Amino acid sequence: MIDLKELTEFLVKAKVETYAGDGAEVDSQRPGFKELEFIEGEWEYRDSYSGFYMAPGQEIVRFEGKPIWSMAYSGGITKKYQGNFDFAKQIFEFLKKALKLVDKNKPYRGPDNFKEGDYEYVSRVEGDVSWFKGNEKILFKGEVVFKQDYIGGLIIDKD
């Protein structure tokens, strides 16, 4: 059985080192997707997503080569702002700041709430690292400009 404390500690490191930390892309296992990877000992993390304004994706954690945890996410920039490349880049930079604040008690996305300047990040989740679902949004001057759902948990095989 996987040690959930080790898993959550690894997830926090992996998330800070990859997308939130502007980690380098690696060769994609899925054509048309961007992928980021973090490896530490027997632990492997891979984030795979496609798109820009709307960019669904999936994170997988492997331990000793076996997939043991997954999270899927889908959403992005609200329709009103799709096509506004410069504003979208600002939103994503703020998102990265929020995601760097990932907590071992909720190692999915960012904190419950984070504010900086005109931006606010809000995340709501239920469950724990073994099974969870949640959503996040970014507000700019009180208006929702980004929203996304996420769901995931442990992968339990028949073995």
C-alpha atoms as a PDB file:
ATOM      1  CA  MET A   1       0.000   0.000   0.000  1.00  0.00           C
ATOM      2  CA  ILE A   2       1.226   3.496  -0.845  1.00  0.00           C
ATOM      3  CA  ASP A   3       2.227   5.761   2.037  1.00  0.00           C
ATOM      4  CA  LEU A   4      -0.152   8.721   1.595  1.00  0.00           C
ATOM      5  CA  LYS A   5       2.160  11.072   3.510  1.00  0.00           C
ATOM      6  CA  GLU A   6       5.018  10.302   1.105  1.00  0.00           C
ATOM      7  CA  LEU A   7       2.659  10.701  -1.853  1.00  0.00           C
ATOM      8  CA  THR A   8       1.443  14.120  -0.717  1.00  0.00           C
ATOM      9  CA  GLU A   9       4.982  15.343   0.009  1.00  0.00           C
ATOM     10  CA  PHE A  10       6.074  14.200  -3.440  1.00  0.00           C
ATOM     11  CA  LEU A  11       3.048  15.840  -5.113  1.00  0.00           C
ATOM     12  CA  VAL A  12       3.844  19.197  -3.510  1.00  0.00           C
ATOM     13  CA  LYS A  13       7.455  19.064  -4.743  1.00  0.00           C
ATOM     14  CA  ALA A  14       6.451  17.889  -8.215  1.00  0.00           C
ATOM     15  CA  LYS A  15       3.819  20.568  -8.720  1.00  0.00           C
ATOM     16  CA  VAL A  16       6.131  23.381  -7.591  1.00  0.00           C
ATOM     17  CA  GLU A  17       8.919  22.139  -9.897  1.00  0.00           C
ATOM     18  CA  THR A  18       6.825  21.677 -13.050  1.00  0.00           C
ATOM     19  CA  TYR A  19       4.059  23.998 -14.337  1.00  0.00           C
ATOM     20  CA  ALA A  20       4.022  26.383 -11.356  1.00  0.00           C
ATOM     21  CA  GLY A  21       7.814  26.636 -11.454  1.00  0.00           C
ATOM     22  CA  ASP A  22       8.103  27.022 -15.232  1.00  0.00           C
ATOM     23  CA  GLY A  23       9.645  23.553 -15.533  1.00  0.00           C
ATOM     24  CA  ALA A  24      10.985  22.503 -18.911  1.00  0.00           C
ATOM     25  CA  GLU A  25       8.800  20.488 -21.238  1.00  0.00           C
ATOM     26  CA  VAL A  26       9.846  16.901 -21.910  1.00  0.00           C
ATOM     27  CA  ASP A  27       9.251  14.692 -24.939  1.00  0.00           C
ATOM     28  CA  SER A  28       5.532  14.032 -25.082  1.00  0.00           C
ATOM     29  CA  GLN A  29       4.153  10.516 -24.785  1.00  0.00           C
ATOM     30  CA  ARG A  30       0.914  11.855 -26.332  1.00  0.00           C
ATOM     31  CA  PRO A  31       1.093  13.616 -29.716  1.00  0.00           C
ATOM     32  CA  GLY A  32      -0.301  17.155 -29.559  1.00  0.00           C
ATOM     33  CA  PHE A  33       0.223  17.478 -25.792  1.00  0.00           C
ATOM     34  CA  LYS A  34       2.724  19.450 -23.744  1.00  0.00           C
ATOM     35  CA  GLU A  35       4.240  17.433 -20.920  1.00  0.00           C
ATOM     36  CA  LEU A  36       6.203  18.252 -17.794  1.00  0.00           C
ATOM     37  CA  GLU A  37       7.956  15.708 -15.605  1.00  0.00           C
ATOM     38  CA  PHE A  38       9.480  15.487 -12.138  1.00  0.00           C
ATOM     39  CA  ILE A  39      11.364  12.412 -10.884  1.00  0.00           C
ATOM     40  CA  GLU A  40      12.693  11.783  -7.393  1.00  0.00           C
ATOM     41  CA  GLY A  41      13.954   8.317  -6.513  1.00  0.00           C
ATOM     42  CA  GLU A  42      11.214   5.776  -7.243  1.00  0.00           C
ATOM     43  CA  TRP A  43       8.593   8.523  -7.666  1.00  0.00           C
ATOM     44  CA  GLU A  44       7.631   9.914 -11.098  1.00  0.00           C
ATOM     45  CA  TYR A  45       5.170  12.699 -11.902  1.00  0.00           C
ATOM     46  CA  ARG A  46       3.952  13.694 -15.355  1.00  0.00           C
ATOM     47  CA  ASP A  47       1.578  16.520 -16.245  1.00  0.00           C
ATOM     48  CA  SER A  48       0.154  16.284 -19.760  1.00  0.00           C
ATOM     49  CA  TYR A  49      -2.113  18.952 -21.283  1.00  0.00           C
ATOM     50  CA  SER A  50      -3.193  20.313 -24.641  1.00  0.00           C
ATOM     51  CA  GLY A  51      -4.443  23.736 -25.675  1.00  0.00           C
ATOM     52  CA  PHE A  52      -3.957  27.281 -24.442  1.00  0.00           C
ATOM     53  CA  TYR A  53      -7.156  29.189 -23.658  1.00  0.00           C
ATOM     54  CA  MET A  54      -8.870  25.909 -22.808  1.00  0.00           C
ATOM     55  CA  ALA A  55      -6.292  23.308 -21.800  1.00  0.00           C
ATOM     56  CA  PRO A  56      -7.574  20.032 -20.365  1.00  0.00           C
ATOM     57  CA  GLY A  57      -5.002  17.661 -18.969  1.00  0.00           C
ATOM     58  CA  GLN A  58      -4.031  14.874 -16.643  1.00  0.00           C
ATOM     59  CA  GLU A  59      -1.411  14.347 -13.973  1.00  0.00           C
ATOM     60  CA  ILE A  60      -0.090  10.864 -13.230  1.00  0.00           C
ATOM     61  CA  VAL A  61       2.135   9.712 -10.378  1.00  0.00           C
ATOM     62  CA  ARG A  62       4.034   6.449 -10.709  1.00  0.00           C
ATOM     63  CA  PHE A  63       5.812   4.658  -7.886  1.00  0.00           C
ATOM     64  CA  GLU A  64       8.390   2.061  -8.902  1.00  0.00           C
ATOM     65  CA  GLY A  65       7.073   2.415 -12.471  1.00  0.00           C
ATOM     66  CA  LYS A  66       3.451   1.624 -11.587  1.00  0.00           C
ATOM     67  CA  PRO A  67       0.730   4.304 -11.906  1.00  0.00           C
ATOM     68  CA  ILE A  68      -0.701   4.925  -8.425  1.00  0.00           C
ATOM     69  CA  TRP A  69      -2.412   8.350  -8.526  1.00  0.00           C
ATOM     70  CA  SER A  70      -4.107  10.510 -11.128  1.00  0.00           C
ATOM     71  CA  MET A  71      -5.842  13.847 -11.474  1.00  0.00           C
ATOM     72  CA  ALA A  72      -7.760  15.127 -14.502  1.00  0.00           C
ATOM     73  CA  TYR A  73      -8.548  18.801 -15.016  1.00  0.00           C
ATOM     74  CA  SER A  74     -10.504  20.752 -17.586  1.00  0.00           C
ATOM     75  CA  GLY A  75     -11.311  24.410 -18.065  1.00  0.00           C
ATOM     76  CA  GLY A  76      -9.526  27.631 -18.801  1.00  0.00           C
ATOM     77  CA  ILE A  77      -9.998  31.246 -19.762  1.00  0.00           C
ATOM     78  CA  THR A  78     -13.627  32.352 -19.846  1.00  0.00           C
ATOM     79  CA  LYS A  79     -15.099  32.801 -23.322  1.00  0.00           C
ATOM     80  CA  LYS A  80     -15.123  36.607 -23.095  1.00  0.00           C
ATOM     81  CA  TYR A  81     -11.311  36.662 -22.867  1.00  0.00           C
ATOM     82  CA  GLN A  82     -10.400  33.833 -25.244  1.00  0.00           C
ATOM     83  CA  GLY A  83      -8.311  35.386 -27.996  1.00  0.00           C
ATOM     84  CA  ASN A  84      -6.785  38.014 -25.695  1.00  0.00           C
ATOM     85  CA  PHE A  85      -3.307  36.480 -25.605  1.00  0.00           C
ATOM     86  CA  ASP A  86      -1.606  39.106 -23.436  1.00  0.00           C
ATOM     87  CA  PHE A  87      -4.339  39.062 -20.773  1.00  0.00           C
ATOM     88  CA  ALA A  88      -4.372  35.245 -20.806  1.00  0.00           C
ATOM     89  CA  LYS A  89      -0.609  35.225 -20.165  1.00  0.00           C
ATOM     90  CA  GLN A  90      -1.151  37.522 -17.159  1.00  0.00           C
ATOM     91  CA  ILE A  91      -3.857  35.202 -15.833  1.00  0.00           C
ATOM     92  CA  PHE A  92      -1.589  32.167 -16.219  1.00  0.00           C
ATOM     93  CA  GLU A  93       1.301  33.926 -14.469  1.00  0.00           C
ATOM     94  CA  PHE A  94      -1.006  34.646 -11.532  1.00  0.00           C
ATOM     95  CA  LEU A  95      -2.240  31.032 -11.634  1.00  0.00           C
ATOM     96  CA  LYS A  96       1.353  29.811 -11.350  1.00  0.00           C
ATOM     97  CA  LYS A  97       1.862  31.980  -8.252  1.00  0.00           C
ATOM     98  CA  ALA A  98      -1.235  30.434  -6.679  1.00  0.00           C
ATOM     99  CA  LEU A  99      -0.202  26.901  -7.642  1.00  0.00           C
ATOM    100  CA  LYS A 100       3.218  27.386  -6.021  1.00  0.00           C
ATOM    101  CA  LEU A 101       1.298  27.656  -2.742  1.00  0.00           C
ATOM    102  CA  VAL A 102       0.054  24.053  -3.010  1.00  0.00           C
ATOM    103  CA  ASP A 103      -0.324  22.556   0.461  1.00  0.00           C
ATOM    104  CA  LYS A 104       0.383  19.003   1.650  1.00  0.00           C
ATOM    105  CA  ASN A 105      -3.123  18.917   3.183  1.00  0.00           C
ATOM    106  CA  LYS A 106      -4.652  19.643  -0.243  1.00  0.00           C
ATOM    107  CA  PRO A 107      -2.017  18.641  -2.809  1.00  0.00           C
ATOM    108  CA  TYR A 108      -4.229  19.150  -5.855  1.00  0.00           C
ATOM    109  CA  ARG A 109      -4.055  22.758  -7.037  1.00  0.00           C
ATOM    110  CA  GLY A 110      -3.608  26.046  -5.117  1.00  0.00           C
ATOM    111  CA  PRO A 111      -4.764  27.258  -1.701  1.00  0.00           C
ATOM    112  CA  ASP A 112      -8.383  27.927  -0.739  1.00  0.00           C
ATOM    113  CA  ASN A 113      -7.823  31.617  -1.387  1.00  0.00           C
ATOM    114  CA  PHE A 114      -4.979  33.815  -2.604  1.00  0.00           C
ATOM    115  CA  LYS A 115      -5.094  37.504  -3.509  1.00  0.00           C
ATOM    116  CA  GLU A 116      -2.531  39.719  -5.177  1.00  0.00           C
ATOM    117  CA  GLY A 117      -3.343  43.116  -6.651  1.00  0.00           C
ATOM    118  CA  ASP A 118      -6.512  42.925  -8.759  1.00  0.00           C
ATOM    119  CA  TYR A 119      -6.361  39.115  -8.914  1.00  0.00           C
ATOM    120  CA  GLU A 120      -7.938  36.528  -6.626  1.00  0.00           C
ATOM    121  CA  TYR A 121      -7.606  32.744  -6.782  1.00  0.00           C
ATOM    122  CA  VAL A 122     -10.282  30.551  -5.163  1.00  0.00           C
ATOM    123  CA  SER A 123     -10.245  26.750  -4.916  1.00  0.00           C
ATOM    124  CA  ARG A 124     -12.903  24.505  -3.391  1.00  0.00           C
ATOM    125  CA  VAL A 125     -12.360  20.771  -2.991  1.00  0.00           C
ATOM    126  CA  GLU A 126     -13.957  17.844  -1.209  1.00  0.00           C
ATOM    127  CA  GLY A 127     -12.325  14.548  -0.328  1.00  0.00           C
ATOM    128  CA  ASP A 128      -8.701  13.699   0.322  1.00  0.00           C
ATOM    129  CA  VAL A 129      -5.680  12.607  -1.710  1.00  0.00           C
ATOM    130  CA  SER A 130      -7.188   9.121  -2.154  1.00  0.00           C
ATOM    131  CA  TRP A 131     -10.328  10.548  -3.850  1.00  0.00           C
ATOM    132  CA  PHE A 132     -11.307  14.168  -4.450  1.00  0.00           C
ATOM    133  CA  LYS A 133     -13.129  16.578  -6.716  1.00  0.00           C
ATOM    134  CA  GLY A 134     -12.959  20.332  -6.855  1.00  0.00           C
ATOM    135  CA  ASN A 135     -12.947  23.504  -8.849  1.00  0.00           C
ATOM    136  CA  GLU A 136     -10.901  26.642  -9.032  1.00  0.00           C
ATOM    137  CA  LYS A 137     -11.380  30.097 -10.440  1.00  0.00           C
ATOM    138  CA  ILE A 138      -9.485  33.326 -10.907  1.00  0.00           C
ATOM    139  CA  LEU A 139     -11.166  36.665 -10.578  1.00  0.00           C
ATOM    140  CA  PHE A 140      -9.812  39.921 -11.975  1.00  0.00           C
ATOM    141  CA  LYS A 141     -11.356  42.982 -10.326  1.00  0.00           C
ATOM    142  CA  GLY A 142     -14.149  40.717  -9.084  1.00  0.00           C
ATOM    143  CA  GLU A 143     -14.948  39.189 -12.498  1.00  0.00           C
ATOM    144  CA  VAL A 144     -14.356  35.464 -13.147  1.00  0.00           C
ATOM    145  CA  VAL A 145     -11.763  35.227 -15.943  1.00  0.00           C
ATOM    146  CA  PHE A 146     -10.619  31.607 -15.481  1.00  0.00           C
ATOM    147  CA  LYS A 147     -12.408  28.521 -14.194  1.00  0.00           C
ATOM    148  CA  GLN A 148     -11.557  24.852 -14.069  1.00  0.00           C
ATOM    149  CA  ASP A 149     -12.769  21.576 -12.562  1.00  0.00           C
ATOM    150  CA  TYR A 150     -10.522  18.783 -11.302  1.00  0.00           C
ATOM    151  CA  ILE A 151     -11.037  15.252 -10.030  1.00  0.00           C
ATOM    152  CA  GLY A 152      -8.776  12.401  -9.054  1.00  0.00           C
ATOM    153  CA  GLY A 153      -7.334  10.020  -6.512  1.00  0.00           C
ATOM    154  CA  LEU A 154      -5.545   6.754  -6.052  1.00  0.00           C
ATOM    155  CA  ILE A 155      -5.334   4.152  -8.791  1.00  0.00           C
ATOM    156  CA  ILE A 156      -6.111   0.778  -7.225  1.00  0.00           C
ATOM    157  CA  ASP A 157      -5.450  -2.284  -9.346  1.00  0.00           C
ATOM    158  CA  LYS A 158      -6.785  -5.814  -8.790  1.00  0.00           C
ATOM    159  CA  ASP A 159      -3.328  -7.020  -7.679  1.00  0.00           C
END
